Amino acid sequence: MTLRTVLRHITGYVAGFGIFMVGIPFGLYFVSKTLDRYLPICLIPQTWLRIGLSLPVAALGIGFIVWSNLYLFFVGKGGPADGLGIQISSRTKHLVTSGPYRYTRNPMAFGALSLYVGLAIFLNSAICLGLAASLFWSAFIYLKQVEEKRLLKDFGDEYEKYRKRVSILVPLPPGKRI
């Protein structure tokens, strides 16, 4: 691996971490705290229950994010930082269908969305939950319209077979897919 490749990977991971693990959660927090006073819906009144639900959901999300990034790097021999037409790190050289990718074709997106839902539960914010839901649908549309086309182009029939077996975003039992 060349120094340039290593630097691209580091840049991609730092940018991704900054956007998906800091920027978006901070934005969700800020918007929900600003707007919650106009829509004061209490999702879960018991603090212990809210914390007890939010932490495992957020931890599941973080786990999927880390697990899927490691699989892309070590198994796919590339990185995830290829989005919105910008290639920061090198694309994966192999289609990854094991590890977290056997449950969902987009475990990083599933992980990030789980983290955002966990944050919404923790904040007890209907606004934040609504924003997380809108991010879910935005991610779904982006993945269908952009990512799937690129993966079909890069991996052809191998990806088509994988796509028929595994759900696009939410982990589902084998054979079930969205």
Foldseek 3Di string as FASTA:
>chain_A
DDPQQVVLQVVLVVVCCCVLVPVVLVVLVVVQVVCCVVVVDQPDPDLVVLLVVLVVLLVQLVVLQVFVQVCCCPVQVKGDRCPPNDRRHDGGNDQDCDDVNVFAVCSNLLSSLSNQCSSCSNVSGPSSVVVSVVSVVVVVCCCVPPVVVVCCVNPNPVVVVSPQFYEHHGGDPTRDYD
